[in-house]
Amino acid sequence: MKSGTCPKCGQKDVYGDLNTPHGISVDRMAVPRINTILLVCGSCGYLEFYVETEEDLSKVQSKFRRVEG
């Protein structure tokens, strides 16, 4: 989605709220506030959040388990 193309439907109708940090938190977990960027496809409604800074990404890596695939 960062490229302007939706990975779900392939349309180039992506909108982003790039100037407003969206904090996320997880109920009952000691996860500090993490600022994210929100991207939404105007065609299908698919949305993605991206961690905004290296510092916040480091917080995620230290608090969550890595998904093995």
N, C-alpha and C. Protein backbone atom coordinates (compact mmCIF):
# COMPACT_ATOMS: atom_id res chain seq x y z
N MET A 1 0.82 -1.19 0.00
CA MET A 1 0.00 0.00 0.00
C MET A 1 0.87 1.25 0.00
N LYS A 2 2.07 1.17 0.56
CA LYS A 2 2.94 2.34 0.57
C LYS A 2 3.28 2.81 -0.84
N SER A 3 3.18 1.90 -1.81
CA SER A 3 3.48 2.25 -3.20
C SER A 3 2.30 2.93 -3.88
N GLY A 4 1.14 2.98 -3.20
CA GLY A 4 -0.04 3.59 -3.79
C GLY A 4 -0.96 2.58 -4.47
N THR A 5 -0.61 1.30 -4.40
CA THR A 5 -1.42 0.24 -4.99
C THR A 5 -1.89 -0.70 -3.89
N CYS A 6 -3.17 -1.04 -3.90
CA CYS A 6 -3.72 -1.95 -2.90
C CYS A 6 -3.29 -3.37 -3.22
N PRO A 7 -2.71 -4.10 -2.23
CA PRO A 7 -2.29 -5.47 -2.49
C PRO A 7 -3.46 -6.44 -2.58
N LYS A 8 -4.62 -6.05 -2.10
CA LYS A 8 -5.78 -6.93 -2.12
C LYS A 8 -6.52 -6.87 -3.45
N CYS A 9 -6.82 -5.66 -3.95
CA CYS A 9 -7.62 -5.55 -5.18
C CYS A 9 -6.84 -4.99 -6.36
N GLY A 10 -5.62 -4.48 -6.12
CA GLY A 10 -4.78 -3.98 -7.21
C GLY A 10 -5.10 -2.58 -7.69
N GLN A 11 -6.06 -1.92 -7.08
CA GLN A 11 -6.43 -0.57 -7.50
C GLN A 11 -5.43 0.47 -6.95
N LYS A 12 -5.31 1.57 -7.67
CA LYS A 12 -4.44 2.67 -7.25
C LYS A 12 -5.30 3.78 -6.66
N ASP A 13 -6.06 3.43 -5.64
CA ASP A 13 -6.98 4.36 -4.99
C ASP A 13 -6.73 4.31 -3.48
N VAL A 14 -5.48 4.62 -3.09
CA VAL A 14 -5.05 4.49 -1.70
C VAL A 14 -4.98 5.87 -1.05
N TYR A 15 -5.52 5.96 0.16
CA TYR A 15 -5.53 7.20 0.92
C TYR A 15 -4.78 6.97 2.22
N GLY A 16 -4.09 7.99 2.69
CA GLY A 16 -3.33 7.85 3.92
C GLY A 16 -3.52 9.02 4.85
N ASP A 17 -3.58 8.72 6.13
CA ASP A 17 -3.61 9.74 7.16
C ASP A 17 -2.20 9.82 7.71
N LEU A 18 -1.35 10.54 7.00
CA LEU A 18 0.08 10.53 7.29
C LEU A 18 0.50 11.56 8.33
N ASN A 19 -0.35 12.52 8.62
CA ASN A 19 0.02 13.59 9.54
C ASN A 19 -0.53 13.39 10.94
N THR A 20 -1.35 12.37 11.15
CA THR A 20 -1.94 12.11 12.46
C THR A 20 -1.45 10.77 12.98
N PRO A 21 -0.65 10.78 14.05
CA PRO A 21 -0.22 9.48 14.59
C PRO A 21 -1.40 8.74 15.22
N HIS A 22 -1.53 7.48 14.88
CA HIS A 22 -2.58 6.63 15.44
C HIS A 22 -1.91 5.70 16.44
N GLY A 23 -2.18 5.91 17.70
CA GLY A 23 -1.58 5.06 18.72
C GLY A 23 -2.34 3.75 18.82
N ILE A 24 -1.62 2.68 19.05
CA ILE A 24 -2.28 1.39 19.27
C ILE A 24 -1.87 0.87 20.64
N SER A 25 -2.77 0.15 21.25
CA SER A 25 -2.46 -0.51 22.51
C SER A 25 -3.19 -1.84 22.53
N VAL A 26 -2.69 -2.74 23.32
CA VAL A 26 -3.29 -4.06 23.42
C VAL A 26 -3.78 -4.23 24.85
N ASP A 27 -5.04 -4.57 25.01
CA ASP A 27 -5.65 -4.72 26.33
C ASP A 27 -4.89 -5.71 27.19
N ARG A 28 -4.62 -5.31 28.42
CA ARG A 28 -3.99 -6.16 29.44
C ARG A 28 -2.56 -6.58 29.13
N MET A 29 -1.91 -5.85 28.26
CA MET A 29 -0.50 -6.14 27.98
C MET A 29 0.31 -4.87 28.21
N ALA A 30 1.51 -5.04 28.67
CA ALA A 30 2.38 -3.89 28.93
C ALA A 30 3.05 -3.46 27.63
N VAL A 31 2.26 -2.92 26.73
CA VAL A 31 2.79 -2.46 25.45
C VAL A 31 2.71 -0.94 25.44
N PRO A 32 3.85 -0.27 25.30
CA PRO A 32 3.81 1.19 25.27
C PRO A 32 3.11 1.69 24.01
N ARG A 33 2.68 2.93 24.05
CA ARG A 33 2.01 3.54 22.90
C ARG A 33 2.94 3.49 21.69
N ILE A 34 2.38 3.07 20.57
CA ILE A 34 3.14 2.94 19.33
C ILE A 34 2.43 3.78 18.27
N ASN A 35 3.15 4.71 17.67
CA ASN A 35 2.57 5.53 16.62
C ASN A 35 2.61 4.80 15.29
N THR A 36 1.50 4.87 14.56
CA THR A 36 1.38 4.18 13.29
C THR A 36 0.86 5.11 12.20
N ILE A 37 1.08 4.72 10.97
CA ILE A 37 0.53 5.41 9.80
C ILE A 37 -0.59 4.52 9.25
N LEU A 38 -1.72 5.11 8.95
CA LEU A 38 -2.88 4.38 8.44
C LEU A 38 -3.03 4.60 6.94
N LEU A 39 -3.15 3.50 6.18
CA LEU A 39 -3.41 3.56 4.74
C LEU A 39 -4.68 2.77 4.45
N VAL A 40 -5.56 3.32 3.63
CA VAL A 40 -6.85 2.69 3.33
C VAL A 40 -7.08 2.70 1.82
N CYS A 41 -7.55 1.57 1.28
CA CYS A 41 -7.92 1.50 -0.13
C CYS A 41 -9.33 2.08 -0.29
N GLY A 42 -9.47 3.05 -1.17
CA GLY A 42 -10.76 3.66 -1.43
C GLY A 42 -11.66 2.80 -2.29
N SER A 43 -11.13 1.73 -2.87
CA SER A 43 -11.94 0.85 -3.71
C SER A 43 -12.55 -0.31 -2.93
N CYS A 44 -11.72 -1.01 -2.14
CA CYS A 44 -12.23 -2.21 -1.45
C CYS A 44 -12.30 -2.07 0.07
N GLY A 45 -11.70 -1.01 0.61
CA GLY A 45 -11.75 -0.79 2.04
C GLY A 45 -10.65 -1.46 2.84
N TYR A 46 -9.77 -2.19 2.18
CA TYR A 46 -8.65 -2.83 2.86
C TYR A 46 -7.81 -1.76 3.54
N LEU A 47 -7.33 -2.04 4.75
CA LEU A 47 -6.47 -1.06 5.41
C LEU A 47 -5.26 -1.71 6.03
N GLU A 48 -4.21 -0.90 6.16
CA GLU A 48 -2.96 -1.36 6.75
C GLU A 48 -2.45 -0.27 7.69
N PHE A 49 -1.81 -0.71 8.76
CA PHE A 49 -1.12 0.19 9.66
C PHE A 49 0.37 -0.09 9.56
N TYR A 50 1.18 0.94 9.58
CA TYR A 50 2.63 0.79 9.58
C TYR A 50 3.18 1.50 10.79
N VAL A 51 4.13 0.89 11.47
CA VAL A 51 4.81 1.52 12.59
C VAL A 51 5.64 2.67 12.02
N GLU A 52 5.53 3.82 12.66
CA GLU A 52 6.09 5.04 12.10
C GLU A 52 7.59 5.21 12.29
N THR A 53 8.13 4.82 13.44
CA THR A 53 9.55 5.09 13.72
C THR A 53 10.30 3.81 14.06
N GLU A 54 11.62 3.87 13.92
CA GLU A 54 12.49 2.75 14.30
C GLU A 54 12.35 2.47 15.80
N GLU A 55 12.22 3.53 16.59
CA GLU A 55 12.08 3.36 18.04
C GLU A 55 10.81 2.59 18.39
N ASP A 56 9.68 2.94 17.74
CA ASP A 56 8.43 2.23 17.99
C ASP A 56 8.49 0.79 17.47
N LEU A 57 9.16 0.58 16.35
CA LEU A 57 9.32 -0.78 15.82
C LEU A 57 10.12 -1.64 16.80
N SER A 58 11.11 -1.06 17.43
CA SER A 58 11.89 -1.76 18.44
C SER A 58 11.02 -2.17 19.63
N LYS A 59 10.06 -1.32 20.01
CA LYS A 59 9.12 -1.64 21.09
C LYS A 59 8.30 -2.87 20.73
N VAL A 60 7.83 -2.93 19.49
CA VAL A 60 7.04 -4.08 19.03
C VAL A 60 7.88 -5.35 19.10
N GLN A 61 9.09 -5.28 18.61
CA GLN A 61 9.96 -6.45 18.57
C GLN A 61 10.30 -6.96 19.97
N SER A 62 10.35 -6.07 20.95
CA SER A 62 10.69 -6.50 22.30
C SER A 62 9.48 -7.02 23.09
N LYS A 63 8.27 -6.66 22.68
CA LYS A 63 7.07 -7.04 23.44
C LYS A 63 6.27 -8.19 22.83
N PHE A 64 6.43 -8.44 21.54
CA PHE A 64 5.64 -9.48 20.87
C PHE A 64 6.54 -10.63 20.44
N ARG A 65 5.93 -11.80 20.25
CA ARG A 65 6.66 -12.95 19.73
C ARG A 65 6.67 -12.90 18.21
N ARG A 66 7.76 -13.31 17.63
CA ARG A 66 7.89 -13.37 16.17
C ARG A 66 7.05 -14.52 15.65
N VAL A 67 6.34 -14.28 14.56
CA VAL A 67 5.50 -15.31 13.92
C VAL A 67 6.38 -16.12 12.99
N GLU A 68 6.44 -17.41 13.21
CA GLU A 68 7.23 -18.30 12.36
C GLU A 68 6.33 -18.85 11.27
N GLY A 69 6.79 -18.84 10.05
CA GLY A 69 5.95 -19.31 8.97
C GLY A 69 6.59 -20.28 8.07
